[in-house]
Amino acid sequence: MASKLVIDDTGYETEIPENSLKLGRPPADPEIIKAFIPGTIVAVRTKVGEKVREGDALLLLDAMKMHNEVCSTVNGVVRELLVTTGDKVEKGQLLIRLRKD
């Protein structure tokens, strides 16, 4: 599976072996978005009440000097936004609640 990583406006193509995809677990509740790594919220790209599609970027999280897009896991509506730009977050911290369509 090919994926694109962007660092400082430069795109890099990466290859993810199919067997590594089996190691990850699906989210227990796809309507809850949690931080997958500690870091700082550098951009909020959504608001409460906004309709989102699976894969839409909701937040930009800076961790270890890399920007990571936090994306919607479902088609739905943003029900609750629990962070703002500049917030420091811990791994596993609740960031957004969605309502699945």
Protein backbone atom coordinates (compact mmCIF):
# COMPACT_ATOMS: atom_id res chain seq x y z
CA MET A 1 0.00 0.00 0.00
CA ALA A 2 1.49 3.34 -1.02
CA SER A 3 1.18 6.44 1.13
CA LYS A 4 2.38 10.02 0.84
CA LEU A 5 4.15 11.80 3.71
CA VAL A 6 4.63 15.58 3.57
CA ILE A 7 7.45 17.23 5.55
CA ASP A 8 8.11 20.96 5.15
CA ASP A 9 6.10 21.07 1.90
CA THR A 10 8.11 18.20 0.39
CA GLY A 11 6.20 15.03 -0.47
CA TYR A 12 7.69 11.59 0.12
CA GLU A 13 6.22 8.33 -1.14
CA THR A 14 6.28 5.46 1.33
CA GLU A 15 5.35 1.82 0.99
CA ILE A 16 3.48 0.09 3.82
CA PRO A 17 3.69 -3.72 3.75
CA GLU A 18 0.22 -5.31 3.71
CA ASN A 19 1.04 -7.53 6.71
CA SER A 20 1.80 -4.48 8.88
CA LEU A 21 -1.75 -3.22 8.38
CA LYS A 22 -3.06 -6.25 10.28
CA LEU A 23 -1.19 -5.16 13.41
CA GLY A 24 -3.31 -2.06 14.00
CA ARG A 25 -6.66 -2.23 15.74
CA PRO A 26 -9.74 -0.40 14.55
CA PRO A 27 -10.86 2.30 16.97
CA ALA A 28 -13.12 0.95 19.73
CA ASP A 29 -15.58 3.76 19.01
CA PRO A 30 -15.19 5.39 15.58
CA GLU A 31 -17.16 8.42 16.80
CA ILE A 32 -14.39 9.33 19.27
CA ILE A 33 -11.12 10.85 18.03
CA LYS A 34 -8.18 10.60 20.45
CA ALA A 35 -4.57 11.78 20.21
CA PHE A 36 -2.38 8.93 18.99
CA ILE A 37 0.78 10.67 20.23
CA PRO A 38 1.52 13.54 22.64
CA GLY A 39 1.97 16.93 20.99
CA THR A 40 0.55 20.38 20.32
CA ILE A 41 -2.55 21.28 18.31
CA VAL A 42 -1.30 23.68 15.61
CA ALA A 43 -4.51 24.00 13.59
CA VAL A 44 -8.20 23.24 14.03
CA ARG A 45 -9.80 22.61 10.63
CA THR A 46 -13.38 21.96 11.73
CA LYS A 47 -16.09 23.29 14.03
CA VAL A 48 -19.02 21.95 16.01
CA GLY A 49 -21.95 21.14 13.74
CA GLU A 50 -19.85 20.78 10.61
CA LYS A 51 -20.50 17.79 8.34
CA VAL A 52 -17.38 15.71 7.72
CA ARG A 53 -16.51 12.72 5.55
CA GLU A 54 -14.31 9.80 6.49
CA GLY A 55 -10.71 10.88 5.88
CA ASP A 56 -11.33 14.64 6.20
CA ALA A 57 -8.57 16.43 8.14
CA LEU A 58 -10.01 17.74 11.42
CA LEU A 59 -6.89 18.85 13.29
CA LEU A 60 -3.18 19.30 12.74
CA LEU A 61 -1.10 17.86 15.58
CA ASP A 62 2.60 18.73 15.90
CA ALA A 63 4.55 15.88 17.49
CA MET A 64 8.32 15.51 17.48
CA LYS A 65 8.59 18.42 15.00
CA MET A 66 6.30 16.71 12.49
CA HIS A 67 2.79 17.83 11.57
CA ASN A 68 0.25 14.99 11.67
CA GLU A 69 -3.25 15.31 10.27
CA VAL A 70 -5.92 13.93 12.56
CA CYS A 71 -8.71 12.72 10.28
CA SER A 72 -12.34 11.75 10.62
CA THR A 73 -12.96 8.04 10.98
CA VAL A 74 -16.61 8.25 9.82
CA ASN A 75 -19.02 10.24 7.69
CA GLY A 76 -20.90 12.39 10.17
CA VAL A 77 -21.14 15.63 12.10
CA VAL A 78 -18.74 17.16 14.62
CA ARG A 79 -20.62 16.89 17.91
CA GLU A 80 -17.96 18.20 20.31
CA LEU A 81 -14.54 19.82 19.83
CA LEU A 82 -12.43 19.52 22.99
CA VAL A 83 -9.20 21.29 21.92
CA THR A 84 -8.11 24.61 20.45
CA THR A 85 -5.00 25.79 18.63
CA GLY A 86 -2.01 25.82 20.98
CA ASP A 87 -3.33 23.13 23.35
CA LYS A 88 -0.82 20.53 24.50
CA VAL A 89 -2.32 17.03 24.39
CA GLU A 90 -1.32 13.67 25.83
CA LYS A 91 -1.46 10.31 24.07
CA GLY A 92 -5.00 8.96 24.33
CA GLN A 93 -6.56 12.34 25.16
CA LEU A 94 -10.05 12.85 23.76
CA LEU A 95 -9.96 15.49 21.01
CA ILE A 96 -13.28 15.29 19.12
CA ARG A 97 -16.62 13.52 19.34
CA LEU A 98 -18.46 12.82 16.11
CA ARG A 99 -22.00 11.67 15.35
CA LYS A 100 -22.03 9.07 12.61
CA ASP A 101 -24.47 9.58 9.73
